[in-house]
Amino acid sequence: MPRIVGVNIPVRKHILIGLQAIYGIGSTRARLICKRAQIDPETKVKDLAEDQLNIIRKEVSKCGEIEGDLRRMVAMNIKRLTDIACYRGLRHRRNLPVRGQRTRTNSRTRRKQHRK
């Protein structure tokens, strides 16, 4: 399995879908990476040569915040919200929906209330 930024890319999928296994890369960014690397997005990962993988690795590294750095940044943002005790921080702390959703009938997965 090819590794890009410390993530194993699924071999049997198209490179467009395989790149989306990396945290922080969605469909738009994956298309952009394929376009910059001049690789057909429909190419399977197992059919890529090593030099093509190196080009993709370089393009992914140029993308900005991805994988570990992005996870750390998101965690730090949530920690900052909880530390200053703003409304969103309190919702994170209590494991309730943060973005204004109702809780009377929905949000069971967020509240973790299951039938006994």
C-alpha atoms as a PDB file:
ATOM      1  CA  MET A   1       0.000   0.000   0.000  1.00  0.00           C
ATOM      2  CA  PRO A   2       1.367   3.408  -0.887  1.00  0.00           C
ATOM      3  CA  ARG A   3       1.806   5.805   2.000  1.00  0.00           C
ATOM      4  CA  ILE A   4       1.219   9.512   1.584  1.00  0.00           C
ATOM      5  CA  VAL A   5       1.681  11.791   4.611  1.00  0.00           C
ATOM      6  CA  GLY A   6       1.700   8.725   6.881  1.00  0.00           C
ATOM      7  CA  VAL A   7      -1.655   7.390   5.623  1.00  0.00           C
ATOM      8  CA  ASN A   8      -2.117   4.144   3.715  1.00  0.00           C
ATOM      9  CA  ILE A   9      -3.960   4.846   0.475  1.00  0.00           C
ATOM     10  CA  PRO A  10      -6.440   2.103  -0.609  1.00  0.00           C
ATOM     11  CA  VAL A  11      -4.904   0.275  -3.573  1.00  0.00           C
ATOM     12  CA  ARG A  12      -8.044  -0.844  -5.402  1.00  0.00           C
ATOM     13  CA  LYS A  13      -9.684   2.572  -5.601  1.00  0.00           C
ATOM     14  CA  HIS A  14      -9.236   5.452  -8.026  1.00  0.00           C
ATOM     15  CA  ILE A  15      -6.615   7.987  -7.002  1.00  0.00           C
ATOM     16  CA  LEU A  16      -9.350  10.618  -6.664  1.00  0.00           C
ATOM     17  CA  ILE A  17     -11.076   8.538  -3.964  1.00  0.00           C
ATOM     18  CA  GLY A  18      -7.845   7.262  -2.435  1.00  0.00           C
ATOM     19  CA  LEU A  19      -6.567  10.761  -1.731  1.00  0.00           C
ATOM     20  CA  GLN A  20      -9.727  11.457   0.256  1.00  0.00           C
ATOM     21  CA  ALA A  21      -8.533   8.933   2.857  1.00  0.00           C
ATOM     22  CA  ILE A  22      -6.187  11.689   4.048  1.00  0.00           C
ATOM     23  CA  TYR A  23      -7.742  13.916   6.721  1.00  0.00           C
ATOM     24  CA  GLY A  24      -8.196  17.386   5.259  1.00  0.00           C
ATOM     25  CA  ILE A  25      -8.431  16.346   1.600  1.00  0.00           C
ATOM     26  CA  GLY A  26     -11.899  16.239   0.098  1.00  0.00           C
ATOM     27  CA  SER A  27     -13.100  15.780  -3.449  1.00  0.00           C
ATOM     28  CA  THR A  28     -12.259  19.315  -4.608  1.00  0.00           C
ATOM     29  CA  ARG A  29      -8.726  19.275  -3.256  1.00  0.00           C
ATOM     30  CA  ALA A  30      -8.165  15.733  -4.573  1.00  0.00           C
ATOM     31  CA  ARG A  31      -9.195  16.872  -8.078  1.00  0.00           C
ATOM     32  CA  LEU A  32      -6.827  19.837  -7.806  1.00  0.00           C
ATOM     33  CA  ILE A  33      -3.939  17.574  -6.770  1.00  0.00           C
ATOM     34  CA  CYS A  34      -4.598  15.215  -9.699  1.00  0.00           C
ATOM     35  CA  LYS A  35      -4.782  18.151 -12.104  1.00  0.00           C
ATOM     36  CA  ARG A  36      -1.514  19.669 -10.862  1.00  0.00           C
ATOM     37  CA  ALA A  37       0.222  16.284 -10.972  1.00  0.00           C
ATOM     38  CA  GLN A  38      -1.185  15.699 -14.491  1.00  0.00           C
ATOM     39  CA  ILE A  39      -2.620  12.322 -13.507  1.00  0.00           C
ATOM     40  CA  ASP A  40      -6.001  11.032 -14.642  1.00  0.00           C
ATOM     41  CA  PRO A  41      -8.317  10.937 -11.575  1.00  0.00           C
ATOM     42  CA  GLU A  42      -9.787   7.630 -12.780  1.00  0.00           C
ATOM     43  CA  THR A  43      -6.411   5.849 -12.532  1.00  0.00           C
ATOM     44  CA  LYS A  44      -6.298   3.107  -9.914  1.00  0.00           C
ATOM     45  CA  VAL A  45      -3.739   3.561  -7.158  1.00  0.00           C
ATOM     46  CA  LYS A  46      -2.142   0.169  -7.898  1.00  0.00           C
ATOM     47  CA  ASP A  47      -1.447   1.282 -11.497  1.00  0.00           C
ATOM     48  CA  LEU A  48       0.556   4.368 -10.480  1.00  0.00           C
ATOM     49  CA  ALA A  49       4.312   4.343 -10.924  1.00  0.00           C
ATOM     50  CA  GLU A  50       6.647   5.338  -8.110  1.00  0.00           C
ATOM     51  CA  ASP A  51       7.574   8.633  -9.792  1.00  0.00           C
ATOM     52  CA  GLN A  52       3.869   9.521 -10.094  1.00  0.00           C
ATOM     53  CA  LEU A  53       3.412   8.783  -6.380  1.00  0.00           C
ATOM     54  CA  ASN A  54       6.341  11.081  -5.591  1.00  0.00           C
ATOM     55  CA  ILE A  55       4.726  13.872  -7.621  1.00  0.00           C
ATOM     56  CA  ILE A  56       1.465  13.346  -5.726  1.00  0.00           C
ATOM     57  CA  ARG A  57       3.340  13.424  -2.399  1.00  0.00           C
ATOM     58  CA  LYS A  58       4.880  16.776  -3.342  1.00  0.00           C
ATOM     59  CA  GLU A  59       1.503  18.212  -4.354  1.00  0.00           C
ATOM     60  CA  VAL A  60      -0.127  16.978  -1.142  1.00  0.00           C
ATOM     61  CA  SER A  61       2.614  18.571   0.939  1.00  0.00           C
ATOM     62  CA  LYS A  62       1.927  21.913  -0.802  1.00  0.00           C
ATOM     63  CA  CYS A  63      -1.792  21.766   0.111  1.00  0.00           C
ATOM     64  CA  GLY A  64      -1.390  23.338   3.521  1.00  0.00           C
ATOM     65  CA  GLU A  65      -2.732  21.971   6.785  1.00  0.00           C
ATOM     66  CA  ILE A  66      -3.557  18.265   6.513  1.00  0.00           C
ATOM     67  CA  GLU A  67      -3.589  15.120   8.666  1.00  0.00           C
ATOM     68  CA  GLY A  68      -1.794  15.545  12.025  1.00  0.00           C
ATOM     69  CA  ASP A  69      -1.366  19.316  11.867  1.00  0.00           C
ATOM     70  CA  LEU A  70      -5.032  19.846  10.993  1.00  0.00           C
ATOM     71  CA  ARG A  71      -6.225  17.460  13.718  1.00  0.00           C
ATOM     72  CA  ARG A  72      -4.045  19.272  16.260  1.00  0.00           C
ATOM     73  CA  MET A  73      -5.322  22.662  15.112  1.00  0.00           C
ATOM     74  CA  VAL A  74      -8.983  21.591  15.410  1.00  0.00           C
ATOM     75  CA  ALA A  75      -8.354  20.125  18.869  1.00  0.00           C
ATOM     76  CA  MET A  76      -6.628  23.320  19.996  1.00  0.00           C
ATOM     77  CA  ASN A  77      -9.537  25.434  18.714  1.00  0.00           C
ATOM     78  CA  ILE A  78     -12.025  23.327  20.669  1.00  0.00           C
ATOM     79  CA  LYS A  79      -9.813  23.484  23.769  1.00  0.00           C
ATOM     80  CA  ARG A  80      -9.617  27.274  23.452  1.00  0.00           C
ATOM     81  CA  LEU A  81     -13.414  27.505  23.276  1.00  0.00           C
ATOM     82  CA  THR A  82     -13.816  25.356  26.382  1.00  0.00           C
ATOM     83  CA  ASP A  83     -11.145  27.307  28.270  1.00  0.00           C
ATOM     84  CA  ILE A  84     -12.789  30.679  27.695  1.00  0.00           C
ATOM     85  CA  ALA A  85     -16.156  29.127  28.602  1.00  0.00           C
ATOM     86  CA  CYS A  86     -18.074  30.579  25.683  1.00  0.00           C
ATOM     87  CA  TYR A  87     -21.389  29.048  24.636  1.00  0.00           C
ATOM     88  CA  ARG A  88     -19.850  26.798  22.001  1.00  0.00           C
ATOM     89  CA  GLY A  89     -17.190  25.691  24.476  1.00  0.00           C
ATOM     90  CA  LEU A  90     -19.814  24.771  27.061  1.00  0.00           C
ATOM     91  CA  ARG A  91     -21.724  22.760  24.440  1.00  0.00           C
ATOM     92  CA  HIS A  92     -18.531  20.885  23.566  1.00  0.00           C
ATOM     93  CA  ARG A  93     -17.835  20.238  27.243  1.00  0.00           C
ATOM     94  CA  ARG A  94     -21.339  18.830  27.829  1.00  0.00           C
ATOM     95  CA  ASN A  95     -21.307  16.768  24.612  1.00  0.00           C
ATOM     96  CA  LEU A  96     -24.354  18.539  23.222  1.00  0.00           C
ATOM     97  CA  PRO A  97     -24.944  19.843  19.678  1.00  0.00           C
ATOM     98  CA  VAL A  98     -22.865  22.949  19.091  1.00  0.00           C
ATOM     99  CA  ARG A  99     -24.503  24.557  16.068  1.00  0.00           C
ATOM    100  CA  GLY A 100     -27.984  25.314  17.317  1.00  0.00           C
ATOM    101  CA  GLN A 101     -29.749  22.027  16.617  1.00  0.00           C
ATOM    102  CA  ARG A 102     -32.681  21.052  18.775  1.00  0.00           C
ATOM    103  CA  THR A 103     -32.136  18.504  21.519  1.00  0.00           C
ATOM    104  CA  ARG A 104     -35.658  17.671  22.615  1.00  0.00           C
ATOM    105  CA  THR A 105     -36.236  14.949  20.046  1.00  0.00           C
ATOM    106  CA  ASN A 106     -33.010  14.587  18.073  1.00  0.00           C
ATOM    107  CA  SER A 107     -29.243  14.458  18.735  1.00  0.00           C
ATOM    108  CA  ARG A 108     -29.334  11.043  20.389  1.00  0.00           C
ATOM    109  CA  THR A 109     -25.901  10.117  19.079  1.00  0.00           C
ATOM    110  CA  ARG A 110     -24.387  13.327  20.388  1.00  0.00           C
ATOM    111  CA  ARG A 111     -26.040  12.983  23.803  1.00  0.00           C
ATOM    112  CA  LYS A 112     -25.186   9.277  24.024  1.00  0.00           C
ATOM    113  CA  GLN A 113     -28.569   8.323  25.483  1.00  0.00           C
ATOM    114  CA  HIS A 114     -29.430   4.827  24.435  1.00  0.00           C
ATOM    115  CA  ARG A 115     -32.320   2.605  25.419  1.00  0.00           C
ATOM    116  CA  LYS A 116     -31.695   0.225  28.267  1.00  0.00           C
END
